[in-house]
Amino acid sequence: MRLLTLLPGLLISAKALAYDPQAGDIVFHTSRSSQSQAVQAATRSPYSHMGIILLRRGQPYVFEAVQPVKYTPLDAWLSRGQDKHYVVKRLKSPLSTAAVSRLQQEAANYEGKPYDLTFEWSDNRIYCSELVWKLYKSADIELAPLSKLGAFNLDSPVVKAKLQERYGARIPLNEPVISPAAIFESPLLKTVAER
């Protein structure tokens, strides 16, 4: 077992410093999906996928927008990203019990919905950062300002190829969007774990 020196003469195991998940925590990693490189290039961020931790029967799950929107056991989610790297962020001001309850209730409205490959701002289909943003918004917390699709770095060849594949010649540059990068940089959040 690896031991860490915290103070001279005091040793503690790394396991004792393990992350303690809380409902509402937001997790980020670099996805291995086919669109990950395009998301990274467009947003200038290493993180291309995210989800929110919610508890089910007392156990932590990541509620995420994949195909379809679903709950994934936390350990499975954390080990799924590229090189098993992840970052966990939490609100600087703790969530109230009522806010956590609202997140859980609102999640029921999205579970099972299809993944949104065209990043439309509707509730018919949903993408990862949109899901987290809308859940928090239901609890009257706006994690980050929305942007427009046209505000991102769309000049990268990998981004151009993905835009062509998804939209053809009709790219909705004025579509409201929220990116994992915008939420990652939110001043409302602090990092509580990273691997």
N, C-alpha and C. Protein backbone atom coordinates (compact mmCIF):
# COMPACT_ATOMS: atom_id res chain seq x y z
N MET A 1 0.84 -1.17 0.00
CA MET A 1 0.00 0.00 0.00
C MET A 1 0.89 1.24 0.00
N ARG A 2 0.58 2.19 -0.86
CA ARG A 2 1.36 3.42 -0.96
C ARG A 2 1.07 4.32 0.24
N LEU A 3 2.13 4.85 0.83
CA LEU A 3 1.96 5.74 1.97
C LEU A 3 2.39 7.14 1.59
N LEU A 4 1.67 8.12 2.09
CA LEU A 4 1.98 9.51 1.82
C LEU A 4 2.41 10.19 3.11
N THR A 5 3.41 11.06 3.03
CA THR A 5 3.83 11.83 4.18
C THR A 5 3.07 13.15 4.17
N LEU A 6 2.23 13.37 5.17
CA LEU A 6 1.47 14.61 5.27
C LEU A 6 2.20 15.62 6.15
N LEU A 7 2.69 15.16 7.27
CA LEU A 7 3.47 15.98 8.19
C LEU A 7 4.67 15.13 8.59
N PRO A 8 5.76 15.74 9.01
CA PRO A 8 6.91 14.94 9.44
C PRO A 8 6.48 13.90 10.47
N GLY A 9 6.80 12.66 10.19
CA GLY A 9 6.49 11.57 11.10
C GLY A 9 5.07 11.02 10.99
N LEU A 10 4.19 11.64 10.17
CA LEU A 10 2.82 11.16 10.03
C LEU A 10 2.62 10.56 8.65
N LEU A 11 2.30 9.28 8.61
CA LEU A 11 2.05 8.59 7.35
C LEU A 11 0.59 8.19 7.29
N ILE A 12 0.03 8.27 6.10
CA ILE A 12 -1.37 7.88 5.90
C ILE A 12 -1.48 7.20 4.54
N SER A 13 -2.33 6.21 4.44
CA SER A 13 -2.47 5.51 3.17
C SER A 13 -3.20 6.37 2.15
N ALA A 14 -2.91 6.17 0.87
CA ALA A 14 -3.59 6.90 -0.20
C ALA A 14 -5.08 6.58 -0.17
N LYS A 15 -5.43 5.35 0.20
CA LYS A 15 -6.84 4.97 0.24
C LYS A 15 -7.62 5.82 1.25
N ALA A 16 -6.96 6.22 2.34
CA ALA A 16 -7.63 7.03 3.35
C ALA A 16 -7.95 8.42 2.82
N LEU A 17 -7.28 8.84 1.74
CA LEU A 17 -7.55 10.13 1.14
C LEU A 17 -8.49 10.02 -0.06
N ALA A 18 -9.14 8.87 -0.20
CA ALA A 18 -9.98 8.62 -1.37
C ALA A 18 -11.12 9.63 -1.46
N TYR A 19 -11.58 9.84 -2.67
CA TYR A 19 -12.66 10.77 -2.97
C TYR A 19 -13.97 10.27 -2.35
N ASP A 20 -14.69 11.17 -1.71
CA ASP A 20 -15.98 10.87 -1.10
C ASP A 20 -17.08 11.51 -1.96
N PRO A 21 -17.73 10.73 -2.83
CA PRO A 21 -18.71 11.31 -3.75
C PRO A 21 -19.93 11.87 -3.04
N GLN A 22 -20.42 12.99 -3.57
CA GLN A 22 -21.64 13.61 -3.06
C GLN A 22 -22.58 13.87 -4.23
N ALA A 23 -23.87 13.78 -3.96
CA ALA A 23 -24.87 14.08 -4.98
C ALA A 23 -24.66 15.50 -5.48
N GLY A 24 -24.65 15.65 -6.81
CA GLY A 24 -24.43 16.95 -7.42
C GLY A 24 -23.01 17.19 -7.90
N ASP A 25 -22.07 16.34 -7.47
CA ASP A 25 -20.70 16.47 -7.98
C ASP A 25 -20.72 16.30 -9.50
N ILE A 26 -19.82 17.01 -10.16
CA ILE A 26 -19.76 16.97 -11.62
C ILE A 26 -18.43 16.35 -12.03
N VAL A 27 -18.48 15.34 -12.87
CA VAL A 27 -17.28 14.60 -13.27
C VAL A 27 -16.98 14.85 -14.74
N PHE A 28 -15.68 14.96 -15.04
CA PHE A 28 -15.20 15.24 -16.39
C PHE A 28 -14.14 14.21 -16.77
N HIS A 29 -14.13 13.82 -18.03
CA HIS A 29 -13.02 13.05 -18.56
C HIS A 29 -12.94 13.24 -20.08
N THR A 30 -11.91 12.66 -20.66
CA THR A 30 -11.76 12.69 -22.11
C THR A 30 -12.34 11.39 -22.64
N SER A 31 -13.40 11.52 -23.37
CA SER A 31 -14.09 10.36 -23.93
C SER A 31 -13.25 9.70 -25.01
N ARG A 32 -13.54 8.44 -25.25
CA ARG A 32 -12.90 7.72 -26.35
C ARG A 32 -13.84 7.63 -27.56
N SER A 33 -14.90 8.44 -27.56
CA SER A 33 -15.88 8.40 -28.65
C SER A 33 -15.32 9.01 -29.92
N SER A 34 -16.01 8.80 -31.01
CA SER A 34 -15.54 9.30 -32.31
C SER A 34 -15.60 10.82 -32.39
N GLN A 35 -16.42 11.47 -31.58
CA GLN A 35 -16.52 12.92 -31.66
C GLN A 35 -15.63 13.63 -30.64
N SER A 36 -14.94 12.89 -29.80
CA SER A 36 -14.15 13.50 -28.72
C SER A 36 -13.12 14.50 -29.22
N GLN A 37 -12.36 14.14 -30.24
CA GLN A 37 -11.33 15.05 -30.75
C GLN A 37 -11.94 16.35 -31.28
N ALA A 38 -13.07 16.25 -31.92
CA ALA A 38 -13.74 17.44 -32.44
C ALA A 38 -14.20 18.35 -31.30
N VAL A 39 -14.77 17.76 -30.25
CA VAL A 39 -15.22 18.55 -29.10
C VAL A 39 -14.01 19.23 -28.44
N GLN A 40 -12.93 18.49 -28.28
CA GLN A 40 -11.72 19.06 -27.68
C GLN A 40 -11.18 20.22 -28.52
N ALA A 41 -11.13 20.03 -29.81
CA ALA A 41 -10.59 21.09 -30.69
C ALA A 41 -11.52 22.30 -30.71
N ALA A 42 -12.81 22.07 -30.78
CA ALA A 42 -13.77 23.18 -30.86
C ALA A 42 -13.79 24.00 -29.58
N THR A 43 -13.61 23.34 -28.43
CA THR A 43 -13.70 24.04 -27.14
C THR A 43 -12.34 24.36 -26.53
N ARG A 44 -11.27 23.90 -27.20
CA ARG A 44 -9.91 24.10 -26.68
C ARG A 44 -9.78 23.59 -25.25
N SER A 45 -10.29 22.40 -25.03
CA SER A 45 -10.28 21.79 -23.70
C SER A 45 -9.93 20.31 -23.81
N PRO A 46 -9.22 19.76 -22.85
CA PRO A 46 -8.95 18.32 -22.90
C PRO A 46 -10.18 17.48 -22.54
N TYR A 47 -11.21 18.10 -21.96
CA TYR A 47 -12.36 17.34 -21.49
C TYR A 47 -13.50 17.39 -22.50
N SER A 48 -13.94 16.20 -22.89
CA SER A 48 -14.98 16.11 -23.92
C SER A 48 -16.27 15.45 -23.44
N HIS A 49 -16.26 14.94 -22.20
CA HIS A 49 -17.48 14.29 -21.69
C HIS A 49 -17.60 14.58 -20.20
N MET A 50 -18.84 14.61 -19.74
CA MET A 50 -19.10 14.91 -18.34
C MET A 50 -20.43 14.31 -17.90
N GLY A 51 -20.62 14.26 -16.62
CA GLY A 51 -21.88 13.79 -16.05
C GLY A 51 -22.03 14.33 -14.64
N ILE A 52 -23.11 13.96 -14.00
CA ILE A 52 -23.40 14.42 -12.64
C ILE A 52 -23.61 13.21 -11.74
N ILE A 53 -23.08 13.29 -10.55
CA ILE A 53 -23.25 12.19 -9.60
C ILE A 53 -24.58 12.33 -8.87
N LEU A 54 -25.36 11.27 -8.91
CA LEU A 54 -26.60 11.16 -8.17
C LEU A 54 -26.58 9.83 -7.43
N LEU A 55 -27.26 9.78 -6.31
CA LEU A 55 -27.26 8.55 -5.51
C LEU A 55 -28.50 7.72 -5.83
N ARG A 56 -28.28 6.42 -5.91
CA ARG A 56 -29.39 5.46 -6.09
C ARG A 56 -29.19 4.35 -5.07
N ARG A 57 -30.19 4.17 -4.21
CA ARG A 57 -30.08 3.19 -3.13
C ARG A 57 -28.79 3.40 -2.34
N GLY A 58 -28.43 4.66 -2.14
CA GLY A 58 -27.26 5.01 -1.35
C GLY A 58 -25.93 4.89 -2.05
N GLN A 59 -25.94 4.47 -3.32
CA GLN A 59 -24.70 4.28 -4.08
C GLN A 59 -24.53 5.38 -5.12
N PRO A 60 -23.28 5.83 -5.35
CA PRO A 60 -23.06 6.90 -6.33
C PRO A 60 -23.07 6.37 -7.77
N TYR A 61 -23.82 7.07 -8.61
CA TYR A 61 -23.87 6.79 -10.04
C TYR A 61 -23.61 8.09 -10.79
N VAL A 62 -23.09 7.96 -12.01
CA VAL A 62 -22.97 9.12 -12.88
C VAL A 62 -24.17 9.10 -13.82
N PHE A 63 -24.96 10.15 -13.75
CA PHE A 63 -26.07 10.31 -14.67
C PHE A 63 -25.50 11.05 -15.87
N GLU A 64 -25.53 10.41 -17.03
CA GLU A 64 -24.84 10.95 -18.20
C GLU A 64 -25.67 10.83 -19.46
N ALA A 65 -25.40 11.73 -20.39
CA ALA A 65 -26.04 11.68 -21.70
C ALA A 65 -25.12 10.91 -22.64
N VAL A 66 -25.47 9.66 -22.82
CA VAL A 66 -24.87 8.80 -23.85
C VAL A 66 -26.07 8.28 -24.62
N GLN A 67 -25.94 7.19 -25.30
CA GLN A 67 -27.09 6.65 -26.02
C GLN A 67 -27.62 5.43 -25.30
N PRO A 68 -28.69 5.56 -24.53
CA PRO A 68 -29.47 6.74 -24.18
C PRO A 68 -28.94 7.37 -22.89
N VAL A 69 -29.61 8.43 -22.42
CA VAL A 69 -29.29 9.04 -21.13
C VAL A 69 -29.52 7.98 -20.05
N LYS A 70 -28.52 7.77 -19.19
CA LYS A 70 -28.63 6.68 -18.22
C LYS A 70 -27.73 6.90 -17.01
N TYR A 71 -27.92 6.03 -16.02
CA TYR A 71 -27.07 5.98 -14.84
C TYR A 71 -25.97 4.95 -15.08
N THR A 72 -24.74 5.35 -14.77
CA THR A 72 -23.58 4.46 -14.89
C THR A 72 -22.90 4.40 -13.52
N PRO A 73 -22.57 3.21 -13.02
CA PRO A 73 -21.87 3.14 -11.73
C PRO A 73 -20.62 4.02 -11.74
N LEU A 74 -20.41 4.74 -10.65
CA LEU A 74 -19.31 5.72 -10.60
C LEU A 74 -17.97 5.10 -10.95
N ASP A 75 -17.62 3.96 -10.35
CA ASP A 75 -16.32 3.35 -10.62
C ASP A 75 -16.14 3.03 -12.10
N ALA A 76 -17.19 2.54 -12.74
CA ALA A 76 -17.11 2.21 -14.17
C ALA A 76 -16.90 3.48 -14.98
N TRP A 77 -17.57 4.56 -14.62
CA TRP A 77 -17.44 5.83 -15.35
C TRP A 77 -16.04 6.39 -15.20
N LEU A 78 -15.52 6.39 -13.96
CA LEU A 78 -14.21 6.97 -13.71
C LEU A 78 -13.10 6.23 -14.44
N SER A 79 -13.26 4.94 -14.64
CA SER A 79 -12.21 4.16 -15.31
C SER A 79 -12.36 4.13 -16.83
N ARG A 80 -13.43 4.73 -17.36
CA ARG A 80 -13.73 4.66 -18.78
C ARG A 80 -13.02 5.71 -19.62
N GLY A 81 -12.64 6.81 -19.04
CA GLY A 81 -12.02 7.88 -19.80
C GLY A 81 -10.61 7.54 -20.27
N GLN A 82 -10.12 8.36 -21.17
CA GLN A 82 -8.77 8.15 -21.72
C GLN A 82 -7.75 8.16 -20.59
N ASP A 83 -6.91 7.13 -20.56
CA ASP A 83 -5.87 6.95 -19.54
C ASP A 83 -6.44 6.94 -18.12
N LYS A 84 -7.73 6.68 -17.98
CA LYS A 84 -8.44 6.65 -16.70
C LYS A 84 -8.29 7.96 -15.92
N HIS A 85 -8.07 9.05 -16.66
CA HIS A 85 -7.96 10.37 -16.03
C HIS A 85 -9.36 10.98 -15.87
N TYR A 86 -9.58 11.63 -14.74
CA TYR A 86 -10.84 12.32 -14.51
C TYR A 86 -10.62 13.48 -13.56
N VAL A 87 -11.58 14.40 -13.54
CA VAL A 87 -11.61 15.50 -12.59
C VAL A 87 -13.03 15.56 -12.03
N VAL A 88 -13.14 15.75 -10.72
CA VAL A 88 -14.44 15.90 -10.07
C VAL A 88 -14.51 17.31 -9.49
N LYS A 89 -15.60 18.00 -9.81
CA LYS A 89 -15.82 19.35 -9.28
C LYS A 89 -17.12 19.37 -8.47
N ARG A 90 -17.16 20.34 -7.56
CA ARG A 90 -18.31 20.47 -6.66
C ARG A 90 -18.58 21.97 -6.46
N LEU A 91 -19.83 22.30 -6.21
CA LEU A 91 -20.16 23.69 -5.90
C LEU A 91 -19.38 24.16 -4.68
N LYS A 92 -18.90 25.38 -4.73
CA LYS A 92 -18.20 25.96 -3.58
C LYS A 92 -19.16 26.13 -2.41
N SER A 93 -20.41 26.48 -2.70
CA SER A 93 -21.45 26.57 -1.67
C SER A 93 -22.25 25.27 -1.72
N PRO A 94 -22.31 24.53 -0.61
CA PRO A 94 -22.97 23.21 -0.63
C PRO A 94 -24.42 23.28 -1.10
N LEU A 95 -24.82 22.24 -1.80
CA LEU A 95 -26.21 22.12 -2.23
C LEU A 95 -27.12 21.87 -1.03
N SER A 96 -28.27 22.49 -1.04
CA SER A 96 -29.25 22.22 0.01
C SER A 96 -29.90 20.86 -0.25
N THR A 97 -30.55 20.34 0.76
CA THR A 97 -31.28 19.07 0.61
C THR A 97 -32.37 19.22 -0.46
N ALA A 98 -33.01 20.38 -0.47
CA ALA A 98 -34.06 20.64 -1.46
C ALA A 98 -33.48 20.66 -2.88
N ALA A 99 -32.29 21.25 -3.05
CA ALA A 99 -31.67 21.30 -4.38
C ALA A 99 -31.28 19.90 -4.85
N VAL A 100 -30.74 19.09 -3.96
CA VAL A 100 -30.38 17.71 -4.32
C VAL A 100 -31.64 16.95 -4.73
N SER A 101 -32.72 17.14 -3.98
CA SER A 101 -33.99 16.50 -4.31
C SER A 101 -34.48 16.94 -5.68
N ARG A 102 -34.32 18.22 -6.00
CA ARG A 102 -34.74 18.75 -7.30
C ARG A 102 -33.92 18.13 -8.43
N LEU A 103 -32.60 17.99 -8.23
CA LEU A 103 -31.75 17.34 -9.24
C LEU A 103 -32.25 15.92 -9.52
N GLN A 104 -32.53 15.18 -8.45
CA GLN A 104 -33.00 13.79 -8.59
C GLN A 104 -34.33 13.74 -9.33
N GLN A 105 -35.25 14.64 -8.96
CA GLN A 105 -36.57 14.66 -9.61
C GLN A 105 -36.44 15.01 -11.09
N GLU A 106 -35.63 16.00 -11.39
CA GLU A 106 -35.49 16.44 -12.78
C GLU A 106 -34.82 15.37 -13.63
N ALA A 107 -33.91 14.60 -13.03
CA ALA A 107 -33.23 13.54 -13.77
C ALA A 107 -34.23 12.54 -14.36
N ALA A 108 -35.31 12.30 -13.64
CA ALA A 108 -36.33 11.35 -14.12
C ALA A 108 -36.92 11.80 -15.46
N ASN A 109 -36.93 13.10 -15.73
CA ASN A 109 -37.47 13.62 -16.99
C ASN A 109 -36.55 13.36 -18.18
N TYR A 110 -35.30 13.07 -17.91
CA TYR A 110 -34.32 12.89 -19.00
C TYR A 110 -33.88 11.44 -19.19
N GLU A 111 -34.04 10.61 -18.16
CA GLU A 111 -33.57 9.22 -18.27
C GLU A 111 -34.22 8.53 -19.47
N GLY A 112 -33.38 7.88 -20.27
CA GLY A 112 -33.86 7.14 -21.43
C GLY A 112 -33.96 7.96 -22.71
N LYS A 113 -33.78 9.29 -22.62
CA LYS A 113 -33.84 10.13 -23.83
C LYS A 113 -32.63 9.82 -24.72
N PRO A 114 -32.79 9.99 -26.03
CA PRO A 114 -31.67 9.74 -26.94
C PRO A 114 -30.60 10.82 -26.85
N TYR A 115 -29.39 10.42 -27.22
CA TYR A 115 -28.27 11.35 -27.25
C TYR A 115 -28.45 12.31 -28.43
N ASP A 116 -28.07 13.56 -28.23
CA ASP A 116 -28.23 14.59 -29.26
C ASP A 116 -26.93 14.80 -30.03
N LEU A 117 -26.84 14.22 -31.21
CA LEU A 117 -25.65 14.33 -32.04
C LEU A 117 -25.50 15.70 -32.70
N THR A 118 -26.59 16.48 -32.74
CA THR A 118 -26.51 17.79 -33.40
C THR A 118 -26.56 18.95 -32.40
N PHE A 119 -26.48 18.66 -31.12
CA PHE A 119 -26.35 19.68 -30.08
C PHE A 119 -27.43 20.76 -30.16
N GLU A 120 -28.68 20.32 -30.30
CA GLU A 120 -29.81 21.25 -30.33
C GLU A 120 -30.25 21.59 -28.91
N TRP A 121 -30.70 22.81 -28.70
CA TRP A 121 -31.14 23.24 -27.38
C TRP A 121 -32.62 22.92 -27.22
N SER A 122 -32.92 21.64 -27.12
CA SER A 122 -34.29 21.19 -26.89
C SER A 122 -34.21 20.04 -25.89
N ASP A 123 -35.35 19.60 -25.41
CA ASP A 123 -35.37 18.48 -24.47
C ASP A 123 -35.69 17.14 -25.15
N ASN A 124 -35.84 17.14 -26.47
CA ASN A 124 -36.17 15.90 -27.19
C ASN A 124 -34.99 14.93 -27.18
N ARG A 125 -33.82 15.47 -27.43
CA ARG A 125 -32.55 14.72 -27.38
C ARG A 125 -31.61 15.57 -26.54
N ILE A 126 -30.59 14.95 -25.95
CA ILE A 126 -29.77 15.73 -25.01
C ILE A 126 -28.31 15.29 -25.06
N TYR A 127 -27.39 16.24 -24.92
CA TYR A 127 -25.96 15.92 -24.88
C TYR A 127 -25.44 16.17 -23.46
N CYS A 128 -24.22 15.73 -23.19
CA CYS A 128 -23.72 15.62 -21.82
C CYS A 128 -23.74 16.92 -21.03
N SER A 129 -23.15 17.97 -21.56
CA SER A 129 -23.08 19.22 -20.80
C SER A 129 -24.45 19.90 -20.70
N GLU A 130 -25.27 19.71 -21.72
CA GLU A 130 -26.64 20.24 -21.68
C GLU A 130 -27.42 19.58 -20.53
N LEU A 131 -27.25 18.28 -20.36
CA LEU A 131 -27.94 17.56 -19.30
C LEU A 131 -27.57 18.12 -17.93
N VAL A 132 -26.28 18.25 -17.67
CA VAL A 132 -25.82 18.74 -16.37
C VAL A 132 -26.30 20.18 -16.16
N TRP A 133 -26.17 21.01 -17.18
CA TRP A 133 -26.57 22.42 -17.08
C TRP A 133 -28.06 22.53 -16.75
N LYS A 134 -28.88 21.75 -17.47
CA LYS A 134 -30.34 21.83 -17.27
C LYS A 134 -30.76 21.27 -15.91
N LEU A 135 -30.08 20.23 -15.43
CA LEU A 135 -30.40 19.72 -14.10
C LEU A 135 -30.13 20.79 -13.04
N TYR A 136 -28.96 21.42 -13.13
CA TYR A 136 -28.65 22.48 -12.17
C TYR A 136 -29.59 23.68 -12.32
N LYS A 137 -29.94 24.01 -13.53
CA LYS A 137 -30.86 25.13 -13.76
C LYS A 137 -32.21 24.86 -13.10
N SER A 138 -32.63 23.59 -13.07
CA SER A 138 -33.90 23.23 -12.41
C SER A 138 -33.84 23.51 -10.90
N ALA A 139 -32.62 23.59 -10.36
CA ALA A 139 -32.42 23.92 -8.94
C ALA A 139 -32.04 25.39 -8.78
N ASP A 140 -32.31 26.20 -9.83
CA ASP A 140 -32.05 27.65 -9.83
C ASP A 140 -30.56 27.99 -9.72
N ILE A 141 -29.72 27.13 -10.30
CA ILE A 141 -28.28 27.39 -10.34
C ILE A 141 -27.84 27.37 -11.79
N GLU A 142 -27.31 28.48 -12.27
CA GLU A 142 -26.80 28.54 -13.63
C GLU A 142 -25.28 28.40 -13.57
N LEU A 143 -24.78 27.24 -13.97
CA LEU A 143 -23.36 26.93 -13.83
C LEU A 143 -22.46 27.79 -14.70
N ALA A 144 -22.91 28.14 -15.89
CA ALA A 144 -22.09 28.91 -16.83
C ALA A 144 -23.02 29.53 -17.86
N PRO A 145 -22.60 30.62 -18.48
CA PRO A 145 -23.45 31.22 -19.52
C PRO A 145 -23.46 30.36 -20.79
N LEU A 146 -24.60 30.39 -21.47
CA LEU A 146 -24.70 29.70 -22.75
C LEU A 146 -23.87 30.45 -23.79
N SER A 147 -23.51 29.74 -24.84
CA SER A 147 -22.78 30.34 -25.96
C SER A 147 -23.54 30.02 -27.23
N LYS A 148 -22.98 30.37 -28.37
CA LYS A 148 -23.55 30.00 -29.68
C LYS A 148 -22.56 29.05 -30.35
N LEU A 149 -23.07 28.13 -31.14
CA LEU A 149 -22.21 27.17 -31.82
C LEU A 149 -21.12 27.88 -32.62
N GLY A 150 -21.46 28.99 -33.24
CA GLY A 150 -20.51 29.73 -34.06
C GLY A 150 -19.38 30.38 -33.29
N ALA A 151 -19.48 30.43 -31.95
CA ALA A 151 -18.44 31.05 -31.13
C ALA A 151 -17.26 30.11 -30.87
N PHE A 152 -17.41 28.83 -31.21
CA PHE A 152 -16.35 27.87 -30.94
C PHE A 152 -15.31 27.88 -32.07
N ASN A 153 -14.20 27.20 -31.83
CA ASN A 153 -13.14 27.07 -32.82
C ASN A 153 -13.59 26.04 -33.87
N LEU A 154 -14.13 26.52 -34.97
CA LEU A 154 -14.68 25.63 -36.00
C LEU A 154 -13.72 25.45 -37.18
N ASP A 155 -12.49 25.96 -37.07
CA ASP A 155 -11.54 25.90 -38.18
C ASP A 155 -10.70 24.63 -38.23
N SER A 156 -10.65 23.89 -37.15
CA SER A 156 -9.87 22.66 -37.11
C SER A 156 -10.41 21.65 -38.13
N PRO A 157 -9.54 20.95 -38.86
CA PRO A 157 -10.01 19.95 -39.83
C PRO A 157 -10.93 18.89 -39.22
N VAL A 158 -10.62 18.45 -37.98
CA VAL A 158 -11.46 17.42 -37.36
C VAL A 158 -12.84 17.98 -37.01
N VAL A 159 -12.89 19.26 -36.65
CA VAL A 159 -14.18 19.91 -36.36
C VAL A 159 -14.96 20.10 -37.66
N LYS A 160 -14.29 20.59 -38.71
CA LYS A 160 -14.97 20.78 -40.00
C LYS A 160 -15.57 19.47 -40.51
N ALA A 161 -14.81 18.38 -40.37
CA ALA A 161 -15.30 17.08 -40.83
C ALA A 161 -16.55 16.65 -40.05
N LYS A 162 -16.53 16.86 -38.74
CA LYS A 162 -17.67 16.46 -37.91
C LYS A 162 -18.88 17.34 -38.20
N LEU A 163 -18.66 18.64 -38.42
CA LEU A 163 -19.77 19.53 -38.78
C LEU A 163 -20.40 19.13 -40.11
N GLN A 164 -19.56 18.80 -41.08
CA GLN A 164 -20.06 18.35 -42.39
C GLN A 164 -20.88 17.07 -42.25
N GLU A 165 -20.37 16.15 -41.43
CA GLU A 165 -21.07 14.88 -41.21
C GLU A 165 -22.44 15.10 -40.55
N ARG A 166 -22.50 16.01 -39.59
CA ARG A 166 -23.73 16.20 -38.81
C ARG A 166 -24.72 17.15 -39.46
N TYR A 167 -24.22 18.20 -40.14
CA TYR A 167 -25.11 19.25 -40.63
C TYR A 167 -25.10 19.46 -42.14
N GLY A 168 -24.11 18.92 -42.85
CA GLY A 168 -23.98 19.24 -44.26
C GLY A 168 -23.59 20.70 -44.40
N ALA A 169 -24.26 21.42 -45.29
CA ALA A 169 -23.94 22.84 -45.51
C ALA A 169 -24.72 23.77 -44.59
N ARG A 170 -25.63 23.23 -43.79
CA ARG A 170 -26.52 24.07 -42.97
C ARG A 170 -26.12 24.01 -41.49
N ILE A 171 -25.01 24.61 -41.16
CA ILE A 171 -24.52 24.61 -39.78
C ILE A 171 -25.27 25.69 -38.99
N PRO A 172 -25.95 25.31 -37.90
CA PRO A 172 -26.73 26.28 -37.13
C PRO A 172 -25.84 27.11 -36.19
N LEU A 173 -25.14 28.07 -36.73
CA LEU A 173 -24.14 28.83 -35.99
C LEU A 173 -24.73 29.60 -34.81
N ASN A 174 -26.04 29.90 -34.85
CA ASN A 174 -26.67 30.65 -33.76
C ASN A 174 -27.35 29.76 -32.72
N GLU A 175 -27.17 28.45 -32.84
CA GLU A 175 -27.78 27.53 -31.88
C GLU A 175 -27.16 27.74 -30.49
N PRO A 176 -28.00 27.93 -29.44
CA PRO A 176 -27.43 28.03 -28.09
C PRO A 176 -26.81 26.69 -27.69
N VAL A 177 -25.65 26.75 -27.07
CA VAL A 177 -24.95 25.53 -26.61
C VAL A 177 -24.24 25.81 -25.30
N ILE A 178 -23.96 24.72 -24.59
CA ILE A 178 -23.12 24.77 -23.40
C ILE A 178 -22.09 23.66 -23.55
N SER A 179 -20.84 23.97 -23.32
CA SER A 179 -19.78 22.98 -23.51
C SER A 179 -19.28 22.46 -22.17
N PRO A 180 -18.68 21.27 -22.17
CA PRO A 180 -18.03 20.81 -20.94
C PRO A 180 -16.99 21.81 -20.45
N ALA A 181 -16.27 22.45 -21.37
CA ALA A 181 -15.24 23.41 -21.00
C ALA A 181 -15.82 24.59 -20.22
N ALA A 182 -16.98 25.09 -20.65
CA ALA A 182 -17.60 26.24 -19.96
C ALA A 182 -17.97 25.88 -18.53
N ILE A 183 -18.51 24.68 -18.34
CA ILE A 183 -18.87 24.26 -16.98
C ILE A 183 -17.61 23.97 -16.17
N PHE A 184 -16.61 23.36 -16.79
CA PHE A 184 -15.35 23.08 -16.10
C PHE A 184 -14.74 24.35 -15.53
N GLU A 185 -14.84 25.44 -16.27
CA GLU A 185 -14.24 26.72 -15.87
C GLU A 185 -15.16 27.57 -14.99
N SER A 186 -16.33 27.06 -14.63
CA SER A 186 -17.28 27.84 -13.84
C SER A 186 -16.67 28.30 -12.52
N PRO A 187 -16.80 29.58 -12.21
CA PRO A 187 -16.30 30.08 -10.93
C PRO A 187 -17.10 29.59 -9.73
N LEU A 188 -18.24 28.94 -9.98
CA LEU A 188 -19.05 28.40 -8.89
C LEU A 188 -18.51 27.07 -8.36
N LEU A 189 -17.56 26.47 -9.12
CA LEU A 189 -17.09 25.13 -8.80
C LEU A 189 -15.67 25.11 -8.27
N LYS A 190 -15.38 24.07 -7.49
CA LYS A 190 -14.02 23.81 -7.03
C LYS A 190 -13.70 22.35 -7.33
N THR A 191 -12.43 22.05 -7.56
CA THR A 191 -12.00 20.68 -7.81
C THR A 191 -11.87 19.95 -6.48
N VAL A 192 -12.48 18.76 -6.40
CA VAL A 192 -12.40 17.97 -5.17
C VAL A 192 -11.67 16.65 -5.36
N ALA A 193 -11.45 16.25 -6.61
CA ALA A 193 -10.70 15.01 -6.87
C ALA A 193 -10.19 15.04 -8.29
N GLU A 194 -9.05 14.40 -8.49
CA GLU A 194 -8.47 14.30 -9.84
C GLU A 194 -7.55 13.09 -9.85
N ARG A 195 -7.55 12.40 -10.99
CA ARG A 195 -6.64 11.27 -11.17
C ARG A 195 -6.03 11.38 -12.54
